[in-house]
Amino acid sequence: MGGEFFAAVRERVRQARVALETAVGGGDAYEVALAQDELDDALWVAGEHGIETGPCAEGSGDADHNS
């Protein structure tokens, strides 16, 4: 389970970061809130399982999770 699960969680975090960047660029506050919520959830899952998620994007709100 470990390797595939960890890879899937990392991919979820990566996609959430991209979605947040896209939403911020689009200027829609609702889309930004949804994307930030997804990123927060993905980072929480990663943190609960000790999965490193790499450096965070500056200003993305996930500074506590850049292991």
C-alpha atoms as a PDB file:
ATOM      1  CA  MET A   1       0.000   0.000   0.000  1.00  0.00           C
ATOM      2  CA  GLY A   2       2.698   2.498   1.011  1.00  0.00           C
ATOM      3  CA  GLY A   3       4.325   3.389  -2.284  1.00  0.00           C
ATOM      4  CA  GLU A   4       1.194   3.685  -4.396  1.00  0.00           C
ATOM      5  CA  PHE A   5      -0.761   5.429  -1.641  1.00  0.00           C
ATOM      6  CA  PHE A   6       2.051   7.916  -0.991  1.00  0.00           C
ATOM      7  CA  ALA A   7       2.345   8.640  -4.712  1.00  0.00           C
ATOM      8  CA  ALA A   8      -1.412   9.193  -4.982  1.00  0.00           C
ATOM      9  CA  VAL A   9      -1.414  11.596  -2.036  1.00  0.00           C
ATOM     10  CA  ARG A  10       1.536  13.525  -3.465  1.00  0.00           C
ATOM     11  CA  GLU A  11      -0.270  13.756  -6.811  1.00  0.00           C
ATOM     12  CA  ARG A  12      -3.422  14.989  -5.086  1.00  0.00           C
ATOM     13  CA  VAL A  13      -1.387  17.717  -3.371  1.00  0.00           C
ATOM     14  CA  ARG A  14       0.289  18.647  -6.665  1.00  0.00           C
ATOM     15  CA  GLN A  15      -3.040  18.894  -8.472  1.00  0.00           C
ATOM     16  CA  ALA A  16      -4.553  20.907  -5.640  1.00  0.00           C
ATOM     17  CA  ARG A  17      -1.666  23.383  -5.788  1.00  0.00           C
ATOM     18  CA  VAL A  18      -2.132  23.777  -9.549  1.00  0.00           C
ATOM     19  CA  ALA A  19      -5.890  24.254  -9.102  1.00  0.00           C
ATOM     20  CA  LEU A  20      -5.307  26.907  -6.451  1.00  0.00           C
ATOM     21  CA  GLU A  21      -2.829  28.766  -8.644  1.00  0.00           C
ATOM     22  CA  THR A  22      -5.315  28.656 -11.533  1.00  0.00           C
ATOM     23  CA  ALA A  23      -8.184  29.850  -9.329  1.00  0.00           C
ATOM     24  CA  VAL A  24      -6.137  32.736  -7.954  1.00  0.00           C
ATOM     25  CA  GLY A  25      -5.215  33.720 -11.503  1.00  0.00           C
ATOM     26  CA  GLY A  26      -8.875  33.662 -12.480  1.00  0.00           C
ATOM     27  CA  GLY A  27      -9.853  36.013  -9.681  1.00  0.00           C
ATOM     28  CA  ASP A  28     -12.973  34.089  -8.625  1.00  0.00           C
ATOM     29  CA  ALA A  29     -13.105  34.142  -4.822  1.00  0.00           C
ATOM     30  CA  TYR A  30     -15.411  31.124  -4.640  1.00  0.00           C
ATOM     31  CA  GLU A  31     -13.106  29.014  -6.836  1.00  0.00           C
ATOM     32  CA  VAL A  32     -10.134  30.118  -4.742  1.00  0.00           C
ATOM     33  CA  ALA A  33     -11.935  29.041  -1.560  1.00  0.00           C
ATOM     34  CA  LEU A  34     -12.791  25.634  -3.045  1.00  0.00           C
ATOM     35  CA  ALA A  35      -9.246  25.097  -4.291  1.00  0.00           C
ATOM     36  CA  GLN A  36      -7.753  26.161  -0.959  1.00  0.00           C
ATOM     37  CA  ASP A  37     -10.061  23.755   0.872  1.00  0.00           C
ATOM     38  CA  GLU A  38      -8.977  20.874  -1.381  1.00  0.00           C
ATOM     39  CA  LEU A  39      -5.320  21.748  -0.826  1.00  0.00           C
ATOM     40  CA  ASP A  40      -5.830  21.925   2.922  1.00  0.00           C
ATOM     41  CA  ASP A  41      -7.534  18.513   2.892  1.00  0.00           C
ATOM     42  CA  ALA A  42      -4.806  16.947   0.744  1.00  0.00           C
ATOM     43  CA  LEU A  43      -2.076  18.360   2.972  1.00  0.00           C
ATOM     44  CA  TRP A  44      -3.889  17.104   6.059  1.00  0.00           C
ATOM     45  CA  VAL A  45      -3.995  13.567   4.633  1.00  0.00           C
ATOM     46  CA  ALA A  46      -0.307  13.816   3.777  1.00  0.00           C
ATOM     47  CA  GLY A  47       0.534  15.043   7.249  1.00  0.00           C
ATOM     48  CA  GLU A  48      -1.496  12.320   8.951  1.00  0.00           C
ATOM     49  CA  HIS A  49       0.511   9.694   7.085  1.00  0.00           C
ATOM     50  CA  GLY A  50       3.916  11.368   7.337  1.00  0.00           C
ATOM     51  CA  ILE A  51       4.114  11.967   3.589  1.00  0.00           C
ATOM     52  CA  GLU A  52       6.482  14.698   2.488  1.00  0.00           C
ATOM     53  CA  THR A  53       4.862  16.971  -0.066  1.00  0.00           C
ATOM     54  CA  GLY A  54       7.834  18.993  -1.219  1.00  0.00           C
ATOM     55  CA  PRO A  55       8.249  22.737  -1.155  1.00  0.00           C
ATOM     56  CA  CYS A  56       5.061  24.713  -1.114  1.00  0.00           C
ATOM     57  CA  ALA A  57       4.177  27.466  -3.518  1.00  0.00           C
ATOM     58  CA  GLU A  58       4.687  30.855  -1.886  1.00  0.00           C
ATOM     59  CA  GLY A  59       1.415  32.267  -0.640  1.00  0.00           C
ATOM     60  CA  SER A  60      -0.563  29.086  -1.166  1.00  0.00           C
ATOM     61  CA  GLY A  61      -1.431  28.765   2.499  1.00  0.00           C
ATOM     62  CA  ASP A  62       0.382  25.484   3.059  1.00  0.00           C
ATOM     63  CA  ALA A  63       3.591  26.749   4.640  1.00  0.00           C
ATOM     64  CA  ASP A  64       3.213  24.332   7.554  1.00  0.00           C
ATOM     65  CA  HIS A  65       3.350  21.369   5.172  1.00  0.00           C
ATOM     66  CA  ASN A  66       6.495  21.924   3.146  1.00  0.00           C
ATOM     67  CA  SER A  67       8.436  19.001   4.615  1.00  0.00           C
END
